[in-house]
């Protein structure tokens, strides 16, 4: 498990994106990348995933609040 002491905004989605960036730091090559998460990403994590140029995001649980579902329809 990664130490997250001293970090204010730590979500598993962001840790996964940071780990992937260490493996493949070239944005153009990430369009084939897919992020699988249990719950619908929050707006912060969705923004990070869009900035990261991910190809797709799959999640199992839809939250009842405004999250990724509505925003991802813009794309």
PDB file of N, CA and C in Angstrom:
ATOM      1  N   UNK A   1       0.835  -1.175   0.000  1.00  0.00           N
ATOM      2  CA  UNK A   1       0.000   0.000   0.000  1.00  0.00           C
ATOM      3  C   UNK A   1       0.886   1.247   0.000  1.00  0.00           C
ATOM      4  N   UNK A   2       0.505   2.221  -0.771  1.00  0.00           N
ATOM      5  CA  UNK A   2       1.277   3.462  -0.885  1.00  0.00           C
ATOM      6  C   UNK A   2       0.987   4.383   0.289  1.00  0.00           C
ATOM      7  N   UNK A   3       2.031   5.037   0.805  1.00  0.00           N
ATOM      8  CA  UNK A   3       1.844   6.019   1.873  1.00  0.00           C
ATOM      9  C   UNK A   3       1.243   7.282   1.292  1.00  0.00           C
ATOM     10  N   UNK A   4       0.230   7.804   1.934  1.00  0.00           N
ATOM     11  CA  UNK A   4      -0.423   9.011   1.442  1.00  0.00           C
ATOM     12  C   UNK A   4      -0.417  10.116   2.490  1.00  0.00           C
ATOM     13  N   UNK A   5       0.454  10.019   3.481  1.00  0.00           N
ATOM     14  CA  UNK A   5       0.524  11.040   4.528  1.00  0.00           C
ATOM     15  C   UNK A   5       0.886  12.398   3.934  1.00  0.00           C
ATOM     16  N   UNK A   6       0.222  13.427   4.424  1.00  0.00           N
ATOM     17  CA  UNK A   6       0.522  14.777   3.964  1.00  0.00           C
ATOM     18  C   UNK A   6      -0.158  15.170   2.665  1.00  0.00           C
ATOM     19  N   UNK A   7      -0.901  14.269   2.064  1.00  0.00           N
ATOM     20  CA  UNK A   7      -1.606  14.585   0.815  1.00  0.00           C
ATOM     21  C   UNK A   7      -3.081  14.790   1.130  1.00  0.00           C
ATOM     22  N   UNK A   8      -3.619  15.914   0.708  1.00  0.00           N
ATOM     23  CA  UNK A   8      -5.003  16.242   1.024  1.00  0.00           C
ATOM     24  C   UNK A   8      -6.008  15.553   0.112  1.00  0.00           C
ATOM     25  N   UNK A   9      -5.688  15.442  -1.154  1.00  0.00           N
ATOM     26  CA  UNK A   9      -6.629  14.902  -2.134  1.00  0.00           C
ATOM     27  C   UNK A   9      -6.123  13.571  -2.668  1.00  0.00           C
ATOM     28  N   UNK A  10      -6.476  12.503  -1.989  1.00  0.00           N
ATOM     29  CA  UNK A  10      -6.014  11.189  -2.415  1.00  0.00           C
ATOM     30  C   UNK A  10      -7.228  10.284  -2.621  1.00  0.00           C
ATOM     31  N   UNK A  11      -7.451   9.923  -3.848  1.00  0.00           N
ATOM     32  CA  UNK A  11      -8.473   8.940  -4.206  1.00  0.00           C
ATOM     33  C   UNK A  11      -7.752   7.814  -4.934  1.00  0.00           C
ATOM     34  N   UNK A  12      -8.298   6.623  -4.883  1.00  0.00           N
ATOM     35  CA  UNK A  12      -7.672   5.474  -5.535  1.00  0.00           C
ATOM     36  C   UNK A  12      -7.512   5.713  -7.032  1.00  0.00           C
ATOM     37  N   UNK A  13      -8.478   6.400  -7.634  1.00  0.00           N
ATOM     38  CA  UNK A  13      -8.401   6.695  -9.072  1.00  0.00           C
ATOM     39  C   UNK A  13      -7.148   7.520  -9.376  1.00  0.00           C
ATOM     40  N   UNK A  14      -6.885   8.529  -8.557  1.00  0.00           N
ATOM     41  CA  UNK A  14      -5.722   9.393  -8.773  1.00  0.00           C
ATOM     42  C   UNK A  14      -4.422   8.632  -8.563  1.00  0.00           C
ATOM     43  N   UNK A  15      -4.392   7.764  -7.563  1.00  0.00           N
ATOM     44  CA  UNK A  15      -3.189   6.952  -7.342  1.00  0.00           C
ATOM     45  C   UNK A  15      -2.935   6.038  -8.537  1.00  0.00           C
ATOM     46  N   UNK A  16      -3.995   5.480  -9.112  1.00  0.00           N
ATOM     47  CA  UNK A  16      -3.849   4.618 -10.286  1.00  0.00           C
ATOM     48  C   UNK A  16      -3.323   5.416 -11.480  1.00  0.00           C
ATOM     49  N   UNK A  17      -3.827   6.636 -11.678  1.00  0.00           N
ATOM     50  CA  UNK A  17      -3.357   7.472 -12.787  1.00  0.00           C
ATOM     51  C   UNK A  17      -1.888   7.873 -12.595  1.00  0.00           C
ATOM     52  N   UNK A  18      -1.507   8.187 -11.358  1.00  0.00           N
ATOM     53  CA  UNK A  18      -0.108   8.534 -11.091  1.00  0.00           C
ATOM     54  C   UNK A  18       0.811   7.352 -11.356  1.00  0.00           C
ATOM     55  N   UNK A  19       0.389   6.159 -10.951  1.00  0.00           N
ATOM     56  CA  UNK A  19       1.189   4.958 -11.193  1.00  0.00           C
ATOM     57  C   UNK A  19       1.310   4.686 -12.694  1.00  0.00           C
ATOM     58  N   UNK A  20       0.214   4.871 -13.425  1.00  0.00           N
ATOM     59  CA  UNK A  20       0.242   4.663 -14.875  1.00  0.00           C
ATOM     60  C   UNK A  20       1.141   5.683 -15.561  1.00  0.00           C
ATOM     61  N   UNK A  21       1.157   6.905 -15.049  1.00  0.00           N
ATOM     62  CA  UNK A  21       1.999   7.945 -15.633  1.00  0.00           C
ATOM     63  C   UNK A  21       3.477   7.620 -15.476  1.00  0.00           C
ATOM     64  N   UNK A  22       3.839   6.960 -14.390  1.00  0.00           N
ATOM     65  CA  UNK A  22       5.236   6.552 -14.191  1.00  0.00           C
ATOM     66  C   UNK A  22       5.637   5.479 -15.197  1.00  0.00           C
ATOM     67  N   UNK A  23       4.675   4.634 -15.576  1.00  0.00           N
ATOM     68  CA  UNK A  23       4.939   3.566 -16.541  1.00  0.00           C
ATOM     69  C   UNK A  23       4.963   4.110 -17.960  1.00  0.00           C
ATOM     70  N   UNK A  24       4.005   4.981 -18.296  1.00  0.00           N
ATOM     71  CA  UNK A  24       3.872   5.505 -19.653  1.00  0.00           C
ATOM     72  C   UNK A  24       3.637   7.013 -19.596  1.00  0.00           C
ATOM     73  N   UNK A  25       4.709   7.814 -19.611  1.00  0.00           N
ATOM     74  CA  UNK A  25       4.552   9.259 -19.488  1.00  0.00           C
ATOM     75  C   UNK A  25       4.174   9.987 -20.781  1.00  0.00           C
ATOM     76  N   UNK A  26       3.829   9.276 -21.831  1.00  0.00           N
ATOM     77  CA  UNK A  26       3.532   9.910 -23.114  1.00  0.00           C
ATOM     78  C   UNK A  26       2.026   9.943 -23.358  1.00  0.00           C
ATOM     79  N   UNK A  27       1.395  11.135 -23.313  1.00  0.00           N
ATOM     80  CA  UNK A  27      -0.062  11.241 -23.417  1.00  0.00           C
ATOM     81  C   UNK A  27      -0.667  10.602 -24.660  1.00  0.00           C
ATOM     82  N   UNK A  28      -0.016  10.701 -25.789  1.00  0.00           N
ATOM     83  CA  UNK A  28      -0.568  10.157 -27.024  1.00  0.00           C
ATOM     84  C   UNK A  28      -0.726   8.651 -27.000  1.00  0.00           C
ATOM     85  N   UNK A  29       0.057   7.984 -26.182  1.00  0.00           N
ATOM     86  CA  UNK A  29       0.008   6.528 -26.105  1.00  0.00           C
ATOM     87  C   UNK A  29      -1.032   6.027 -25.110  1.00  0.00           C
ATOM     88  N   UNK A  30      -1.679   6.941 -24.379  1.00  0.00           N
ATOM     89  CA  UNK A  30      -2.620   6.531 -23.341  1.00  0.00           C
ATOM     90  C   UNK A  30      -4.041   6.356 -23.843  1.00  0.00           C
ATOM     91  N   UNK A  31      -4.327   6.673 -25.078  1.00  0.00           N
ATOM     92  CA  UNK A  31      -5.700   6.569 -25.578  1.00  0.00           C
ATOM     93  C   UNK A  31      -6.219   5.134 -25.531  1.00  0.00           C
ATOM     94  N   UNK A  32      -5.322   4.168 -25.499  1.00  0.00           N
ATOM     95  CA  UNK A  32      -5.727   2.766 -25.389  1.00  0.00           C
ATOM     96  C   UNK A  32      -5.903   2.328 -23.938  1.00  0.00           C
ATOM     97  N   UNK A  33      -5.554   3.191 -22.992  1.00  0.00           N
ATOM     98  CA  UNK A  33      -5.645   2.849 -21.573  1.00  0.00           C
ATOM     99  C   UNK A  33      -7.097   2.854 -21.107  1.00  0.00           C
ATOM    100  N   UNK A  34      -7.397   1.971 -20.189  1.00  0.00           N
ATOM    101  CA  UNK A  34      -8.749   1.846 -19.634  1.00  0.00           C
ATOM    102  C   UNK A  34      -8.634   1.863 -18.115  1.00  0.00           C
ATOM    103  N   UNK A  35      -9.516   2.617 -17.456  1.00  0.00           N
ATOM    104  CA  UNK A  35      -9.548   2.671 -15.999  1.00  0.00           C
ATOM    105  C   UNK A  35     -10.793   1.931 -15.526  1.00  0.00           C
ATOM    106  N   UNK A  36     -10.614   0.929 -14.675  1.00  0.00           N
ATOM    107  CA  UNK A  36     -11.711   0.180 -14.076  1.00  0.00           C
ATOM    108  C   UNK A  36     -11.795   0.572 -12.605  1.00  0.00           C
ATOM    109  N   UNK A  37     -12.951   1.057 -12.180  1.00  0.00           N
ATOM    110  CA  UNK A  37     -13.144   1.433 -10.780  1.00  0.00           C
ATOM    111  C   UNK A  37     -14.478   0.874 -10.284  1.00  0.00           C
ATOM    112  N   UNK A  38     -14.562   0.692  -8.975  1.00  0.00           N
ATOM    113  CA  UNK A  38     -15.767   0.126  -8.375  1.00  0.00           C
ATOM    114  C   UNK A  38     -16.932   1.107  -8.443  1.00  0.00           C
ATOM    115  N   UNK A  39     -16.678   2.339  -8.003  1.00  0.00           N
ATOM    116  CA  UNK A  39     -17.732   3.346  -7.984  1.00  0.00           C
ATOM    117  C   UNK A  39     -17.503   4.415  -9.029  1.00  0.00           C
ATOM    118  N   UNK A  40     -18.566   5.113  -9.352  1.00  0.00           N
ATOM    119  CA  UNK A  40     -18.498   6.195 -10.333  1.00  0.00           C
ATOM    120  C   UNK A  40     -17.491   7.246  -9.870  1.00  0.00           C
ATOM    121  N   UNK A  41     -16.570   7.684 -10.724  1.00  0.00           N
ATOM    122  CA  UNK A  41     -15.566   8.660 -10.306  1.00  0.00           C
ATOM    123  C   UNK A  41     -16.185  10.005  -9.922  1.00  0.00           C
ATOM    124  N   UNK A  42     -15.595  10.665  -8.929  1.00  0.00           N
ATOM    125  CA  UNK A  42     -16.039  12.009  -8.582  1.00  0.00           C
ATOM    126  C   UNK A  42     -15.568  12.967  -9.679  1.00  0.00           C
ATOM    127  N   UNK A  43     -16.003  14.197  -9.631  1.00  0.00           N
ATOM    128  CA  UNK A  43     -15.643  15.171 -10.661  1.00  0.00           C
ATOM    129  C   UNK A  43     -14.139  15.428 -10.710  1.00  0.00           C
ATOM    130  N   UNK A  44     -13.482  15.417  -9.553  1.00  0.00           N
ATOM    131  CA  UNK A  44     -12.040  15.626  -9.523  1.00  0.00           C
ATOM    132  C   UNK A  44     -11.322  14.486 -10.252  1.00  0.00           C
ATOM    133  N   UNK A  45     -11.717  13.256  -9.972  1.00  0.00           N
ATOM    134  CA  UNK A  45     -11.076  12.102 -10.613  1.00  0.00           C
ATOM    135  C   UNK A  45     -11.413  12.036 -12.101  1.00  0.00           C
ATOM    136  N   UNK A  46     -12.636  12.401 -12.450  1.00  0.00           N
ATOM    137  CA  UNK A  46     -13.009  12.439 -13.868  1.00  0.00           C
ATOM    138  C   UNK A  46     -12.168  13.472 -14.608  1.00  0.00           C
ATOM    139  N   UNK A  47     -12.009  14.648 -14.011  1.00  0.00           N
ATOM    140  CA  UNK A  47     -11.173  15.684 -14.628  1.00  0.00           C
ATOM    141  C   UNK A  47      -9.747  15.217 -14.814  1.00  0.00           C
ATOM    142  N   UNK A  48      -9.216  14.524 -13.820  1.00  0.00           N
ATOM    143  CA  UNK A  48      -7.855  13.992 -13.931  1.00  0.00           C
ATOM    144  C   UNK A  48      -7.772  12.956 -15.050  1.00  0.00           C
ATOM    145  N   UNK A  49      -8.788  12.096 -15.155  1.00  0.00           N
ATOM    146  CA  UNK A  49      -8.792  11.071 -16.204  1.00  0.00           C
ATOM    147  C   UNK A  49      -8.881  11.696 -17.592  1.00  0.00           C
ATOM    148  N   UNK A  50      -9.681  12.753 -17.738  1.00  0.00           N
ATOM    149  CA  UNK A  50      -9.786  13.443 -19.031  1.00  0.00           C
ATOM    150  C   UNK A  50      -8.470  14.137 -19.380  1.00  0.00           C
ATOM    151  N   UNK A  51      -7.846  14.741 -18.393  1.00  0.00           N
ATOM    152  CA  UNK A  51      -6.547  15.398 -18.606  1.00  0.00           C
ATOM    153  C   UNK A  51      -5.481  14.372 -18.958  1.00  0.00           C
ATOM    154  N   UNK A  52      -5.627  13.184 -18.420  1.00  0.00           N
ATOM    155  CA  UNK A  52      -4.686  12.087 -18.656  1.00  0.00           C
ATOM    156  C   UNK A  52      -4.890  11.457 -20.035  1.00  0.00           C
ATOM    157  N   UNK A  53      -5.966  11.828 -20.720  1.00  0.00           N
ATOM    158  CA  UNK A  53      -6.308  11.307 -22.053  1.00  0.00           C
ATOM    159  C   UNK A  53      -6.572   9.804 -22.048  1.00  0.00           C
ATOM    160  N   UNK A  54      -7.326   9.344 -21.055  1.00  0.00           N
ATOM    161  CA  UNK A  54      -7.696   7.928 -21.017  1.00  0.00           C
ATOM    162  C   UNK A  54      -8.678   7.610 -22.126  1.00  0.00           C
ATOM    163  N   UNK A  55      -8.604   6.398 -22.622  1.00  0.00           N
ATOM    164  CA  UNK A  55      -9.529   5.974 -23.664  1.00  0.00           C
ATOM    165  C   UNK A  55     -10.928   5.731 -23.127  1.00  0.00           C
ATOM    166  N   UNK A  56     -11.030   4.994 -22.008  1.00  0.00           N
ATOM    167  CA  UNK A  56     -12.335   4.643 -21.453  1.00  0.00           C
ATOM    168  C   UNK A  56     -12.251   4.521 -19.938  1.00  0.00           C
ATOM    169  N   UNK A  57     -13.418   4.690 -19.293  1.00  0.00           N
ATOM    170  CA  UNK A  57     -13.545   4.472 -17.858  1.00  0.00           C
ATOM    171  C   UNK A  57     -14.753   3.561 -17.650  1.00  0.00           C
ATOM    172  N   UNK A  58     -14.562   2.482 -16.912  1.00  0.00           N
ATOM    173  CA  UNK A  58     -15.649   1.573 -16.573  1.00  0.00           C
ATOM    174  C   UNK A  58     -15.834   1.582 -15.065  1.00  0.00           C
ATOM    175  N   UNK A  59     -17.080   1.686 -14.632  1.00  0.00           N
ATOM    176  CA  UNK A  59     -17.359   1.646 -13.200  1.00  0.00           C
ATOM    177  C   UNK A  59     -18.605   0.823 -12.955  1.00  0.00           C
ATOM    178  N   UNK A  60     -18.681   0.239 -11.743  1.00  0.00           N
ATOM    179  CA  UNK A  60     -19.768  -0.678 -11.441  1.00  0.00           C
ATOM    180  C   UNK A  60     -20.951  -0.060 -10.739  1.00  0.00           C
ATOM    181  N   UNK A  61     -20.728   0.969  -9.946  1.00  0.00           N
ATOM    182  CA  UNK A  61     -21.803   1.555  -9.144  1.00  0.00           C
ATOM    183  C   UNK A  61     -22.029   2.999  -9.557  1.00  0.00           C
ATOM    184  N   UNK A  62     -23.284   3.367  -9.810  1.00  0.00           N
ATOM    185  CA  UNK A  62     -23.624   4.748 -10.158  1.00  0.00           C
ATOM    186  C   UNK A  62     -24.062   5.460  -8.879  1.00  0.00           C
ATOM    187  N   UNK A  63     -23.424   6.570  -8.582  1.00  0.00           N
ATOM    188  CA  UNK A  63     -23.782   7.355  -7.400  1.00  0.00           C
ATOM    189  C   UNK A  63     -25.070   8.121  -7.661  1.00  0.00           C
ATOM    190  N   UNK A  64     -25.740   8.509  -6.593  1.00  0.00           N
ATOM    191  CA  UNK A  64     -27.001   9.238  -6.759  1.00  0.00           C
ATOM    192  C   UNK A  64     -26.776  10.729  -6.976  1.00  0.00           C
ATOM    193  N   UNK A  65     -25.549  11.208  -6.783  1.00  0.00           N
ATOM    194  CA  UNK A  65     -25.245  12.624  -6.976  1.00  0.00           C
ATOM    195  C   UNK A  65     -24.718  12.869  -8.391  1.00  0.00           C
ATOM    196  N   UNK A  66     -24.502  14.123  -8.727  1.00  0.00           N
ATOM    197  CA  UNK A  66     -23.972  14.490 -10.048  1.00  0.00           C
ATOM    198  C   UNK A  66     -22.498  14.125 -10.123  1.00  0.00           C
ATOM    199  N   UNK A  67     -22.184  13.118 -10.836  1.00  0.00           N
ATOM    200  CA  UNK A  67     -20.803  12.695 -11.011  1.00  0.00           C
ATOM    201  C   UNK A  67     -20.519  12.492 -12.489  1.00  0.00           C
ATOM    202  N   UNK A  68     -19.766  11.510 -12.777  1.00  0.00           N
ATOM    203  CA  UNK A  68     -19.219  11.256 -14.120  1.00  0.00           C
ATOM    204  C   UNK A  68     -20.291  11.019 -15.174  1.00  0.00           C
ATOM    205  N   UNK A  69     -21.403  10.424 -14.828  1.00  0.00           N
ATOM    206  CA  UNK A  69     -22.412  10.030 -15.822  1.00  0.00           C
ATOM    207  C   UNK A  69     -22.883  11.228 -16.646  1.00  0.00           C
ATOM    208  N   UNK A  70     -23.228  12.307 -16.004  1.00  0.00           N
ATOM    209  CA  UNK A  70     -23.739  13.481 -16.715  1.00  0.00           C
ATOM    210  C   UNK A  70     -22.614  14.180 -17.469  1.00  0.00           C
ATOM    211  N   UNK A  71     -21.487  14.378 -16.827  1.00  0.00           N
ATOM    212  CA  UNK A  71     -20.373  15.107 -17.443  1.00  0.00           C
ATOM    213  C   UNK A  71     -19.803  14.345 -18.644  1.00  0.00           C
ATOM    214  N   UNK A  72     -19.730  13.012 -18.565  1.00  0.00           N
ATOM    215  CA  UNK A  72     -19.112  12.255 -19.648  1.00  0.00           C
ATOM    216  C   UNK A  72     -19.921  12.328 -20.936  1.00  0.00           C
ATOM    217  N   UNK A  73     -21.161  12.777 -20.869  1.00  0.00           N
ATOM    218  CA  UNK A  73     -21.973  12.903 -22.092  1.00  0.00           C
ATOM    219  C   UNK A  73     -21.523  14.096 -22.940  1.00  0.00           C
ATOM    220  N   UNK A  74     -20.757  15.001 -22.342  1.00  0.00           N
ATOM    221  CA  UNK A  74     -20.197  16.125 -23.114  1.00  0.00           C
ATOM    222  C   UNK A  74     -19.231  15.649 -24.151  1.00  0.00           C
ATOM    223  N   UNK A  75     -18.483  14.626 -23.828  1.00  0.00           N
ATOM    224  CA  UNK A  75     -17.364  14.155 -24.650  1.00  0.00           C
ATOM    225  C   UNK A  75     -17.762  13.784 -26.019  1.00  0.00           C
TER     226      UNK A  75
END
